[in-house]
Structures are given as structure tokens and as C-alpha cells.
Amino acid sequence: MPRAGWVKPRDDQHLSDHVALGVLTRTFPPELVDTVVSETGKQHQRQRLLPARLVVYYVLAMTLFSHAGYEEVMRNLVEGLSWESGWSRDWQVPSKSAIFQARSRLGVEPVRQLFERACVPLAGAGTPGAFYRDWRLVSVDGTILDVTDTSENDKAFGRPGTGRGEGKGAFPQLRVVGLAECGTHAVFGLAMGPCSRGETTLARGLLGRLGPGMLVLADRGFYGFGLWNEMSGTGADLLWRTKSNHVLPVAERLADGSYLSSLHEIVNYKRRRQGIPVRVVEYRIDDPGQSQVEETTYRLITTILDPDAAPAGELAGLYSERWEFETALDELKTHQRGPRVVLRSKSPEGVRQEAYGFFCTHYAIRALMSEVADDHGVDPDRVSFTRSLRAAQRSIRSGVGTSTKNLTLSLRGAVIEIGHELLPERRLRAAARVVKRKMSNYGVKRSDNADNPRPSMRASEAIQVVAPLPSAT
């Protein structure tokens, strides 16, 4: 439907030239998409119904409308764009098969390059919770994503072990390790692999995204001498939790309660003499509201050796910021993708493409939320992710297109709409390690269940009314 201020083009244009990603287009403008398509050699020599730029935007839209079918996602993209296309010809929604082939032609590399180019730290110097003194707070963590159960995906990604049924998980799983900005939840580094590959191994793929001025937070599962050495070598400072049985001899006690020690590489069960200096902070939580951790001693190691630059109490308080990554994963896996939703791609290349698409669109939504927070002068935590997600989805369906004027007006409208109802200040909270739903008592679904006998007639045709037995006289 034409809108006020729109001018119908004089010459006929391809509708696909106007397809974009609504208010999220500012993060992934057509010029950037065309650049990565060209540099990865995916541009087409002839005009196709599904040119590469359109397919890139389709992959991103597919992760915003994860419950919609292939053709319905395409309808969401082109809805409302007939006016800008010139109305000269009808644009038929391609079949599912055509879309699948277009995605296969595109591959994962353009979407990966799009993530690498566009997804960078968002926070400015005044963003609440984004910095500690002169350090930008970032966190590294991992997660797994269930993928479609095909033989290709099973071979490429593997399945986790389980103590039930056949001893294998229900779906193949893709393991993802990411790097996120704590203040804005913007994920700006990714490494992917099969579920059998450990998080510490994949984390080496994030080294190129680290640099001076960052303070990297990580859980105790990430510590390893090699990874610590490599990440600190990027110029970033580290603050990681380590295990309670980690041998850290006291070299010098410091006035703030921390102490200097050293890390040593273990080779053939022997510790090498040459070590790396670190500072150790040990602390406990003394809070009646968190009685479950009152006996736990937390141990942190950091590359910041000067206690005046970062006192022990402040570093201990910073460690909880690591959980902001968990919140970002909840946004993506529960609200954007949907709880327990399996990635729809049936090939390993498609799975990686779809996964990068999910993190691209999550980043774009977070960029929109960051602008809302800056506009209102509040912490990004007070901007609703689901409200922003819905606004982004509506902007795609409304046919904003690629016009700079339309994008500017729509973006301003979305910022006002999202900021109209901010969340309250985040309350103090803790989550117990419990679940609401236990395992099902039903049997495990196996591949041979597909060969179970099928009905040969309608239920109404198979009914046999059972007459009661004659009563005894």
C-alpha cells in the first residue's frame, strides 16, 4: 500500500533491488551486502529471480521469523514493496526448492564476512555498565544449538552423549563460542564447530577480535595455560575464574588482600619452571539471600598486577558481569529463535549460514536498542529485547525498502516506540540450579520408528462397537 510522501518510480525496477531488513538495514546496508557478495565471488552474471543480495537479506529475515516457513519468510520480506517496484509486473514468491537452491549457491562465507565487518563493540564511553575504569568489559562463553536431524548434519556436527535410551542425543548439535560486550550484549566474535570440539579449542578463533583496552571475563572452564597465554598476547587484559585445586603459590601478598603468583605450563605431568606472573583474588559471598553459595570460595586470576589500578574488591564485583553473556544467549535462543526450536537447515553449510544469520540479526537488534538507550540516557538493560524484536519484524513487513528517507523516518519511529515503555531498574536476583520439567517417561524416539505400521483406513471405518456381555442369570 502506498504511503504519504512516496513517489512512484517512473521507470520499471526490479522489486528485489528494494528488499532490505527494515530498521535493521542501517546495520547491514545494501552497499555492505553487495561488497561482501562481490569479495566472496557470489555475485551473478545474469539477473536472477533471487539475486545474491536478496538471498543474504532472506537468510537474516529467516532468523527473525524462525517459526515461519520458507515461502512465508519471503512474503514478509517483499510485503508492501510493490509500490517501490513500479507496479509494472507481478513478483511471484519463489518455491521452497528455489529458495533452498539460492541459499546453497550463496553459502556461508558472505554471511560470515557480513558478521565480521558489521558486528563490532557498540558502547560509547558513557554507556552504563560497559566499562570498568579504562577497560571495555567483554565476556567469552559458549553454547550449543540443536540442528535438523539429517545424516549430513550428524556426520558434520555429531551428537552429545546421554544416559538415556541409545546413549545419544536427540539432535546433532553445533557448538558456538562467542565474545560479547557486557554493557550492550553485542556479540562481536564467533567461532563454530562440532559438539565434540571443546570450548577452549574453539575460543582460539576469537583471538583476532581481542585487543588492548579490553578486559575479558571468563568462567573456570576456559582456563588453560596455552589459551591464557594466547589471549593475553593480544594486548587485552584477562579476569578469569579458576578451579579451587589450581596450584597458585603465594609470591607476594598485597595490601588489598590479593597476592601475586605465577602460571606454569604442564608438560608430561611436570610443571615447567618458567612461569607467567598473575594476580590472584579470592573471595566469598556473605549474603543471607544467597545461602547456597555462602561456603564457596571464588578464585580469580588476572593479568592486572597493580592493585591500585584495579583493587581486589572491585575485580571480585566485576566477575558477575560475565553473566551478561548468558542473558544475550537467552535473548537469542528463547525470544528470537524460540525455545527448543531446531535450526531448520538440512546441510552443514546451511547450518553455519543460518547460525551466523541468527547472531547478525541479534546484533542488529542490540544496535537498535543501544540507540534507544542513548536517546533516553539510560542503561541498555532497561530497553526491552522483545519489544525491539517486534518493532524490527513489523518494519520488515511494512515495506520500508532501501530509500534513505524511508529508513530514517522508520528508524526514528522505532526508537520512539521502543523507548515509550522502558523496563524498570533491574532487581537483585539469583537463579537456583533447578529445572521445572524433568525427563519424559515416554520411550525414546528412534530412527526405526519411521517404519512403524501406518493406518490403512479412516478411524470411522475401523470402529467396532463392542456389545456388553449378556448378564448372568
Protein backbone atom coordinates (compact mmCIF):
# COMPACT_ATOMS: atom_id res chain seq x y z
CA MET A 1 0.00 0.00 0.00
CA PRO A 2 1.47 3.43 -0.96
CA ARG A 3 2.29 5.77 1.91
CA ALA A 4 2.15 9.54 2.23
CA GLY A 5 5.26 11.08 0.70
CA TRP A 6 6.10 8.10 -1.53
CA VAL A 7 6.64 8.81 -5.20
CA LYS A 8 6.03 6.09 -7.75
CA PRO A 9 9.18 5.42 -9.85
CA ARG A 10 8.93 6.47 -13.49
CA ASP A 11 10.87 3.51 -14.80
CA ASP A 12 10.36 -0.15 -14.09
CA GLN A 13 12.62 -1.56 -11.40
CA HIS A 14 13.27 -4.99 -10.00
CA LEU A 15 11.46 -5.45 -6.71
CA SER A 16 14.42 -7.42 -5.40
CA ASP A 17 16.52 -4.24 -5.63
CA HIS A 18 14.39 -2.71 -2.86
CA VAL A 19 14.31 -5.63 -0.45
CA ALA A 20 16.10 -4.87 2.82
CA LEU A 21 15.78 -5.56 6.54
CA GLY A 22 13.53 -2.74 7.75
CA VAL A 23 15.03 -0.62 10.53
CA LEU A 24 17.87 -3.14 10.87
CA THR A 25 19.12 -2.16 7.39
CA ARG A 26 21.30 0.55 8.94
CA THR A 27 23.50 -2.18 10.43
CA PHE A 28 23.61 -4.14 7.16
CA PRO A 29 23.17 -1.58 4.35
CA PRO A 30 22.86 -2.77 0.73
CA GLU A 31 26.31 -1.38 -0.10
CA LEU A 32 27.96 -3.55 2.56
CA VAL A 33 25.98 -6.61 1.48
CA ASP A 34 26.99 -6.05 -2.16
CA THR A 35 30.63 -5.68 -1.10
CA VAL A 36 30.81 -8.98 0.79
CA VAL A 37 28.92 -10.74 -2.01
CA SER A 38 31.41 -9.42 -4.56
CA GLU A 39 34.51 -10.16 -2.48
CA THR A 40 33.39 -13.73 -1.84
CA GLY A 41 32.71 -14.30 -5.55
CA LYS A 42 28.98 -14.89 -5.16
CA GLN A 43 27.71 -12.17 -7.48
CA HIS A 44 25.71 -13.34 -10.50
CA GLN A 45 26.49 -12.61 -14.13
CA ARG A 46 22.79 -12.53 -15.04
CA GLN A 47 19.70 -11.22 -13.33
CA ARG A 48 18.08 -13.95 -11.28
CA LEU A 49 14.74 -14.08 -9.54
CA LEU A 50 16.76 -14.48 -6.33
CA PRO A 51 19.94 -12.36 -6.65
CA ALA A 52 22.64 -12.76 -4.01
CA ARG A 53 21.80 -9.56 -2.10
CA LEU A 54 18.19 -10.65 -1.73
CA VAL A 55 19.30 -14.10 -0.52
CA VAL A 56 21.55 -12.53 2.13
CA TYR A 57 18.64 -10.47 3.43
CA TYR A 58 16.46 -13.58 3.23
CA VAL A 59 18.87 -15.54 5.45
CA LEU A 60 18.76 -12.74 8.01
CA ALA A 61 14.96 -12.49 7.83
CA MET A 62 14.72 -16.26 8.25
CA THR A 63 16.26 -15.85 11.72
CA LEU A 64 13.79 -13.11 12.66
CA PHE A 65 10.77 -15.16 11.56
CA SER A 66 12.02 -18.53 12.77
CA HIS A 67 8.51 -20.00 13.11
CA ALA A 68 7.53 -19.12 9.53
CA GLY A 69 8.02 -21.42 6.54
CA TYR A 70 10.42 -20.63 3.70
CA GLU A 71 7.82 -19.01 1.46
CA GLU A 72 6.19 -17.09 4.31
CA VAL A 73 9.57 -15.57 5.26
CA MET A 74 9.91 -14.33 1.67
CA ARG A 75 6.41 -12.84 1.79
CA ASN A 76 7.38 -10.94 4.93
CA LEU A 77 10.37 -9.51 3.06
CA VAL A 78 8.54 -8.32 -0.05
CA GLU A 79 5.23 -7.34 1.57
CA GLY A 80 4.45 -3.69 0.91
CA LEU A 81 7.18 -3.19 -1.70
CA SER A 82 5.06 -3.31 -4.88
CA TRP A 83 4.76 0.49 -4.95
CA GLU A 84 8.51 0.98 -4.97
CA SER A 85 8.97 -1.70 -7.64
CA GLY A 86 6.93 0.34 -10.14
CA TRP A 87 3.79 -1.88 -10.21
CA SER A 88 4.74 -2.93 -13.77
CA ARG A 89 4.96 -6.61 -13.13
CA ASP A 90 3.96 -9.12 -10.51
CA TRP A 91 6.72 -10.70 -8.42
CA GLN A 92 5.90 -14.30 -7.67
CA VAL A 93 7.18 -15.74 -4.41
CA PRO A 94 9.72 -18.43 -5.35
CA SER A 95 9.11 -22.02 -4.36
CA LYS A 96 10.74 -23.60 -1.34
CA SER A 97 13.01 -25.55 -3.67
CA ALA A 98 14.18 -22.39 -5.46
CA ILE A 99 14.92 -20.68 -2.14
CA PHE A 100 16.85 -23.71 -0.93
CA GLN A 101 18.97 -23.73 -4.10
CA ALA A 102 19.62 -19.98 -3.79
CA ARG A 103 20.82 -20.44 -0.22
CA SER A 104 23.10 -23.26 -1.37
CA ARG A 105 24.59 -21.05 -4.09
CA LEU A 106 25.25 -18.29 -1.57
CA GLY A 107 26.96 -20.48 1.02
CA VAL A 108 28.16 -19.39 4.44
CA GLU A 109 31.07 -17.10 3.56
CA PRO A 110 29.14 -13.90 2.63
CA VAL A 111 27.11 -14.08 5.86
CA ARG A 112 30.24 -14.77 7.89
CA GLN A 113 32.00 -11.82 6.28
CA LEU A 114 28.94 -9.66 6.96
CA PHE A 115 29.20 -10.55 10.65
CA GLU A 116 32.94 -9.86 10.72
CA ARG A 117 32.55 -6.45 9.03
CA ALA A 118 29.45 -5.08 10.76
CA CYS A 119 29.48 -6.58 14.26
CA VAL A 120 31.85 -4.54 16.41
CA PRO A 121 31.62 -3.25 20.02
CA LEU A 122 28.76 -0.76 20.36
CA ALA A 123 29.25 1.01 23.68
CA GLY A 124 30.41 4.58 23.88
CA ALA A 125 32.44 6.00 26.76
CA GLY A 126 29.28 6.96 28.64
CA THR A 127 27.35 3.69 28.25
CA PRO A 128 26.41 2.43 31.76
CA GLY A 129 27.96 -0.92 32.68
CA ALA A 130 30.12 -1.13 29.56
CA PHE A 131 33.46 -0.04 31.05
CA TYR A 132 35.47 -0.55 34.20
CA ARG A 133 37.79 2.43 34.54
CA ASP A 134 39.61 2.43 31.18
CA TRP A 135 38.73 -1.15 30.22
CA ARG A 136 35.88 -2.23 27.96
CA LEU A 137 34.20 -5.22 29.62
CA VAL A 138 33.77 -8.23 27.35
CA SER A 139 32.90 -11.84 28.13
CA VAL A 140 33.65 -15.12 26.40
CA ASP A 141 31.28 -18.07 26.68
CA GLY A 142 29.81 -20.91 24.68
CA THR A 143 26.53 -22.60 23.87
CA ILE A 144 25.13 -25.34 21.67
CA LEU A 145 22.39 -25.19 19.04
CA ASP A 146 20.26 -28.18 18.01
CA VAL A 147 20.23 -28.71 14.26
CA THR A 148 18.00 -30.71 11.91
CA ASP A 149 18.43 -34.46 12.22
CA THR A 150 19.95 -35.43 8.86
CA SER A 151 22.80 -37.82 8.13
CA GLU A 152 24.93 -34.93 6.79
CA ASN A 153 24.47 -32.86 9.93
CA ASP A 154 25.03 -35.90 12.13
CA LYS A 155 28.33 -36.62 10.39
CA ALA A 156 29.50 -32.99 10.46
CA PHE A 157 28.48 -31.97 13.99
CA GLY A 158 27.89 -35.16 15.97
CA ARG A 159 25.56 -35.68 18.91
CA PRO A 160 26.09 -35.33 22.64
CA GLY A 161 26.09 -38.40 24.84
CA THR A 162 23.21 -39.12 27.19
CA GLY A 163 22.46 -41.66 29.89
CA ARG A 164 19.03 -42.44 28.45
CA GLY A 165 17.82 -44.51 25.50
CA GLU A 166 20.54 -45.30 22.96
CA GLY A 167 23.10 -43.13 24.71
CA LYS A 168 22.96 -40.41 22.04
CA GLY A 169 21.25 -37.01 21.97
CA ALA A 170 18.04 -36.45 20.03
CA PHE A 171 19.61 -34.00 17.56
CA PRO A 172 23.05 -33.19 16.15
CA GLN A 173 24.47 -30.07 17.79
CA LEU A 174 26.57 -27.14 16.65
CA ARG A 175 28.87 -25.69 19.30
CA VAL A 176 29.36 -21.93 19.28
CA VAL A 177 31.82 -19.85 21.32
CA GLY A 178 31.33 -16.10 21.26
CA LEU A 179 32.72 -12.82 22.51
CA ALA A 180 30.19 -10.27 23.75
CA GLU A 181 30.27 -6.76 25.13
CA CYS A 182 28.89 -6.90 28.68
CA GLY A 183 27.25 -3.47 28.65
CA THR A 184 25.28 -3.87 25.42
CA HIS A 185 25.09 -7.68 24.93
CA ALA A 186 26.51 -7.14 21.43
CA VAL A 187 28.17 -10.37 20.23
CA PHE A 188 31.13 -9.34 18.05
CA GLY A 189 33.17 -12.53 17.82
CA LEU A 190 32.15 -16.10 16.86
CA ALA A 191 33.78 -19.49 16.43
CA MET A 192 31.81 -22.62 15.47
CA GLY A 193 32.46 -26.34 15.34
CA PRO A 194 31.04 -29.80 16.07
CA CYS A 195 29.76 -30.51 19.56
CA SER A 196 32.73 -32.79 20.18
CA ARG A 197 35.13 -29.85 19.90
CA GLY A 198 35.73 -28.15 23.25
CA GLU A 199 35.02 -24.53 24.03
CA THR A 200 38.67 -23.82 24.85
CA THR A 201 39.71 -25.09 21.41
CA LEU A 202 37.10 -23.00 19.61
CA ALA A 203 37.94 -19.93 21.71
CA ARG A 204 41.23 -19.60 19.83
CA GLY A 205 39.15 -18.48 16.87
CA LEU A 206 38.31 -15.30 18.80
CA LEU A 207 41.88 -14.05 19.17
CA GLY A 208 41.59 -11.70 16.20
CA ARG A 209 38.67 -9.87 17.84
CA LEU A 210 40.59 -9.03 21.04
CA GLY A 211 42.89 -6.10 21.60
CA PRO A 212 44.29 -3.55 24.07
CA GLY A 213 41.75 -1.74 26.24
CA MET A 214 39.55 -4.82 26.75
CA LEU A 215 39.08 -6.74 29.99
CA VAL A 216 38.00 -10.29 29.13
CA LEU A 217 35.87 -12.21 31.67
CA ALA A 218 35.60 -15.99 31.53
CA ASP A 219 34.42 -18.91 33.65
CA ARG A 220 36.75 -21.51 35.17
CA GLY A 221 36.05 -23.96 32.35
CA PHE A 222 38.07 -21.82 29.93
CA TYR A 223 41.35 -21.77 31.82
CA GLY A 224 44.30 -23.45 30.17
CA PHE A 225 47.88 -22.23 30.11
CA GLY A 226 48.00 -22.09 26.32
CA LEU A 227 44.73 -20.21 25.86
CA TRP A 228 45.56 -17.77 28.67
CA ASN A 229 48.95 -17.08 27.11
CA GLU A 230 47.49 -16.57 23.64
CA MET A 231 44.64 -14.29 24.75
CA SER A 232 46.86 -12.15 26.96
CA GLY A 233 49.23 -11.88 23.99
CA THR A 234 46.58 -9.90 22.08
CA GLY A 235 47.08 -6.96 24.46
CA ALA A 236 43.75 -7.50 26.22
CA ASP A 237 43.68 -7.92 30.00
CA LEU A 238 42.06 -11.03 31.48
CA LEU A 239 39.96 -11.71 34.58
CA TRP A 240 39.07 -15.40 34.76
CA ARG A 241 37.81 -17.67 37.45
CA THR A 242 39.97 -20.73 38.03
CA LYS A 243 39.40 -24.04 39.81
CA SER A 244 39.87 -24.38 43.56
CA ASN A 245 42.52 -27.11 43.12
CA HIS A 246 44.66 -24.94 40.83
CA VAL A 247 48.10 -24.70 42.49
CA LEU A 248 48.93 -20.99 42.79
CA PRO A 249 51.82 -20.42 45.23
CA VAL A 250 51.92 -17.05 47.00
CA ALA A 251 54.84 -14.99 45.73
CA GLU A 252 53.84 -11.67 47.35
CA ARG A 253 50.86 -10.62 49.45
CA LEU A 254 49.34 -7.26 48.51
CA ALA A 255 47.63 -4.66 50.67
CA ASP A 256 44.17 -5.15 49.10
CA GLY A 257 44.06 -8.85 50.07
CA SER A 258 45.12 -10.24 46.70
CA TYR A 259 48.51 -11.83 46.03
CA LEU A 260 50.95 -12.31 43.18
CA SER A 261 51.60 -15.77 41.82
CA SER A 262 52.56 -17.42 38.54
CA LEU A 263 51.09 -19.77 35.96
CA HIS A 264 53.15 -22.67 34.65
CA GLU A 265 52.75 -24.92 31.65
CA ILE A 266 52.34 -28.61 32.47
CA VAL A 267 54.22 -30.95 30.10
CA ASN A 268 54.14 -34.71 30.71
CA TYR A 269 52.71 -34.12 34.20
CA LYS A 270 55.67 -31.87 35.06
CA ARG A 271 55.50 -28.14 35.67
CA ARG A 272 57.92 -26.02 33.68
CA ARG A 273 59.98 -23.56 35.68
CA GLN A 274 59.36 -20.53 33.51
CA GLY A 275 56.02 -19.06 34.55
CA ILE A 276 53.72 -16.17 33.71
CA PRO A 277 53.06 -13.64 36.53
CA VAL A 278 49.42 -13.25 37.59
CA ARG A 279 47.48 -11.72 40.45
CA VAL A 280 45.06 -13.87 42.44
CA VAL A 281 41.85 -12.64 44.10
CA GLU A 282 39.98 -14.97 46.47
CA TYR A 283 36.61 -14.02 47.95
CA ARG A 284 33.32 -15.28 49.37
CA ILE A 285 29.71 -14.10 49.12
CA ASP A 286 28.33 -13.04 52.51
CA ASP A 287 24.64 -12.55 51.75
CA PRO A 288 21.73 -14.14 53.68
CA GLY A 289 19.77 -14.14 50.44
CA GLN A 290 22.35 -16.40 48.76
CA SER A 291 22.86 -19.05 51.40
CA GLN A 292 23.54 -21.66 48.70
CA VAL A 293 26.97 -20.10 48.00
CA GLU A 294 28.00 -18.97 51.47
CA GLU A 295 30.57 -21.75 51.81
CA THR A 296 32.01 -21.28 48.31
CA THR A 297 35.38 -19.58 47.89
CA TYR A 298 35.76 -17.96 44.49
CA ARG A 299 39.21 -17.63 42.98
CA LEU A 300 40.03 -15.20 40.17
CA ILE A 301 43.26 -14.70 38.26
CA THR A 302 44.07 -11.55 36.33
CA THR A 303 46.80 -10.02 34.21
CA ILE A 304 46.33 -6.70 36.07
CA LEU A 305 49.17 -6.91 38.57
CA ASP A 306 48.86 -3.43 40.09
CA PRO A 307 46.27 -3.36 42.92
CA ASP A 308 45.95 0.41 42.64
CA ALA A 309 44.85 0.08 39.01
CA ALA A 310 42.15 -2.46 39.95
CA PRO A 311 41.56 -3.21 43.67
CA ALA A 312 40.64 -6.78 44.61
CA GLY A 313 37.14 -5.91 45.85
CA GLU A 314 36.28 -4.17 42.59
CA LEU A 315 37.55 -7.06 40.47
CA ALA A 316 35.51 -9.52 42.53
CA GLY A 317 32.42 -7.39 41.93
CA LEU A 318 33.13 -7.31 38.20
CA TYR A 319 33.12 -11.07 37.75
CA SER A 320 29.31 -11.28 37.91
CA GLU A 321 29.21 -9.16 34.72
CA ARG A 322 30.22 -12.35 32.91
CA TRP A 323 26.59 -13.47 33.21
CA GLU A 324 25.52 -10.74 30.77
CA PHE A 325 26.57 -13.14 28.04
CA GLU A 326 24.09 -15.68 29.40
CA THR A 327 21.37 -13.05 29.11
CA ALA A 328 22.36 -12.40 25.50
CA LEU A 329 22.10 -16.13 24.74
CA ASP A 330 18.66 -16.21 26.38
CA GLU A 331 17.55 -13.36 24.11
CA LEU A 332 18.71 -15.22 21.02
CA LYS A 333 17.70 -18.79 21.90
CA THR A 334 14.45 -18.17 23.78
CA HIS A 335 12.93 -14.97 22.40
CA GLN A 336 14.38 -14.61 18.89
CA ARG A 337 14.72 -18.25 17.81
CA GLY A 338 12.11 -19.69 20.17
CA PRO A 339 12.57 -22.23 22.99
CA ARG A 340 13.59 -25.71 21.85
CA VAL A 341 13.43 -24.69 18.18
CA VAL A 342 15.81 -26.66 15.96
CA LEU A 343 17.77 -24.86 13.23
CA ARG A 344 15.94 -25.68 10.00
CA SER A 345 18.92 -26.13 7.64
CA LYS A 346 19.50 -29.69 6.45
CA SER A 347 23.13 -29.35 5.34
CA PRO A 348 26.22 -28.37 7.37
CA GLU A 349 26.88 -25.35 5.14
CA GLY A 350 23.29 -24.20 5.61
CA VAL A 351 23.54 -24.70 9.38
CA ARG A 352 26.60 -22.45 9.63
CA GLN A 353 24.95 -19.89 7.36
CA GLU A 354 21.81 -19.88 9.50
CA ALA A 355 23.80 -19.64 12.75
CA TYR A 356 25.73 -16.61 11.51
CA GLY A 357 22.40 -15.14 10.41
CA PHE A 358 20.99 -15.51 13.93
CA PHE A 359 23.91 -13.69 15.51
CA CYS A 360 23.86 -10.98 12.82
CA THR A 361 20.22 -10.14 13.44
CA HIS A 362 20.66 -10.34 17.23
CA TYR A 363 23.48 -7.82 16.90
CA ALA A 364 21.34 -5.54 14.72
CA ILE A 365 18.53 -5.60 17.29
CA ARG A 366 21.04 -4.82 20.01
CA ALA A 367 22.38 -1.89 17.94
CA LEU A 368 18.83 -0.56 17.72
CA MET A 369 18.39 -0.99 21.49
CA SER A 370 21.70 0.79 22.12
CA GLU A 371 20.43 3.78 20.15
CA VAL A 372 17.22 3.82 22.21
CA ALA A 373 19.25 3.71 25.44
CA ASP A 374 21.49 6.56 24.28
CA ASP A 375 18.46 8.58 23.19
CA HIS A 376 16.91 8.29 26.68
CA GLY A 377 20.17 8.37 28.64
CA VAL A 378 19.56 5.00 30.36
CA ASP A 379 21.32 1.68 30.81
CA PRO A 380 20.71 -0.65 27.79
CA ASP A 381 19.39 -3.18 30.34
CA ARG A 382 16.24 -1.06 30.60
CA VAL A 383 15.36 -1.46 26.91
CA SER A 384 13.09 -4.46 26.19
CA PHE A 385 14.54 -7.00 23.77
CA THR A 386 11.16 -8.48 22.84
CA ARG A 387 9.68 -5.02 22.21
CA SER A 388 12.62 -4.21 19.95
CA LEU A 389 12.33 -7.58 18.17
CA ARG A 390 8.64 -6.98 17.41
CA ALA A 391 9.33 -3.46 16.14
CA ALA A 392 12.04 -4.82 13.82
CA GLN A 393 9.74 -7.53 12.48
CA ARG A 394 6.95 -5.03 11.77
CA SER A 395 9.34 -2.69 9.96
CA ILE A 396 10.30 -5.50 7.57
CA ARG A 397 6.69 -6.33 6.75
CA SER A 398 5.77 -2.67 6.26
CA GLY A 399 7.91 -2.33 3.13
CA VAL A 400 10.42 0.32 4.25
CA GLY A 401 12.72 -0.68 1.40
CA THR A 402 16.14 0.86 0.78
CA SER A 403 15.14 4.53 0.47
CA THR A 404 17.30 6.64 2.78
CA LYS A 405 14.37 8.91 3.64
CA ASN A 406 12.07 5.99 4.48
CA LEU A 407 14.76 4.29 6.55
CA THR A 408 15.47 7.46 8.53
CA LEU A 409 11.79 8.05 9.29
CA SER A 410 11.15 4.41 10.20
CA LEU A 411 14.23 4.23 12.41
CA ARG A 412 13.21 7.35 14.30
CA GLY A 413 9.70 5.98 14.71
CA ALA A 414 11.03 2.66 16.05
CA VAL A 415 13.32 4.43 18.56
CA ILE A 416 10.38 6.46 19.89
CA GLU A 417 8.10 3.40 20.04
CA ILE A 418 10.62 1.19 21.84
CA GLY A 419 11.60 3.92 24.29
CA HIS A 420 7.98 4.71 25.13
CA GLU A 421 7.91 1.90 27.69
CA LEU A 422 11.25 1.20 29.33
CA LEU A 423 11.87 -1.64 31.76
CA PRO A 424 12.27 -0.87 35.47
CA GLU A 425 15.69 -0.93 37.09
CA ARG A 426 16.98 -4.49 37.19
CA ARG A 427 16.21 -6.04 40.56
CA LEU A 428 18.61 -8.15 42.60
CA ARG A 429 18.14 -11.79 41.69
CA ALA A 430 19.77 -15.19 41.73
CA ALA A 431 18.81 -18.39 39.93
CA ALA A 432 18.86 -21.76 41.65
CA ARG A 433 20.22 -24.67 39.59
CA VAL A 434 16.86 -26.40 39.16
CA VAL A 435 14.51 -27.12 36.26
CA LYS A 436 10.73 -27.06 36.02
CA ARG A 437 10.42 -30.08 33.75
CA LYS A 438 12.12 -33.39 34.29
CA MET A 439 12.76 -36.02 31.63
CA SER A 440 9.73 -37.59 29.96
CA ASN A 441 8.60 -41.10 30.88
CA TYR A 442 7.85 -41.89 27.24
CA GLY A 443 10.18 -44.11 25.26
CA VAL A 444 12.95 -42.63 23.15
CA LYS A 445 12.11 -41.83 19.51
CA ARG A 446 14.44 -43.79 17.24
CA SER A 447 15.11 -43.76 13.53
CA ASP A 448 13.31 -47.10 13.04
CA ASN A 449 10.10 -45.52 14.38
CA ALA A 450 9.61 -44.08 10.89
CA ASP A 451 8.91 -47.64 9.66
CA ASN A 452 6.13 -48.28 12.16
CA PRO A 453 2.88 -49.60 10.62
CA ARG A 454 0.58 -46.85 9.37
CA PRO A 455 -3.23 -46.81 9.45
CA SER A 456 -4.82 -48.43 6.40
CA MET A 457 -8.29 -46.91 6.86
CA ARG A 458 -10.06 -43.99 8.47
CA ALA A 459 -10.89 -44.16 12.15
CA SER A 460 -14.62 -44.16 11.33
CA GLU A 461 -14.11 -47.21 9.10
CA ALA A 462 -12.14 -49.14 11.70
CA ILE A 463 -14.57 -48.73 14.59
CA GLN A 464 -16.08 -51.87 16.04
CA VAL A 465 -18.70 -51.30 18.69
CA VAL A 466 -18.29 -53.83 21.49
CA ALA A 467 -21.60 -55.09 22.81
CA PRO A 468 -21.78 -55.84 26.52
CA LEU A 469 -21.67 -59.47 27.54
CA PRO A 470 -25.03 -60.97 28.49
CA SER A 471 -25.63 -60.74 32.19
CA ALA A 472 -25.54 -63.91 34.22
CA THR A 473 -29.00 -65.14 35.32
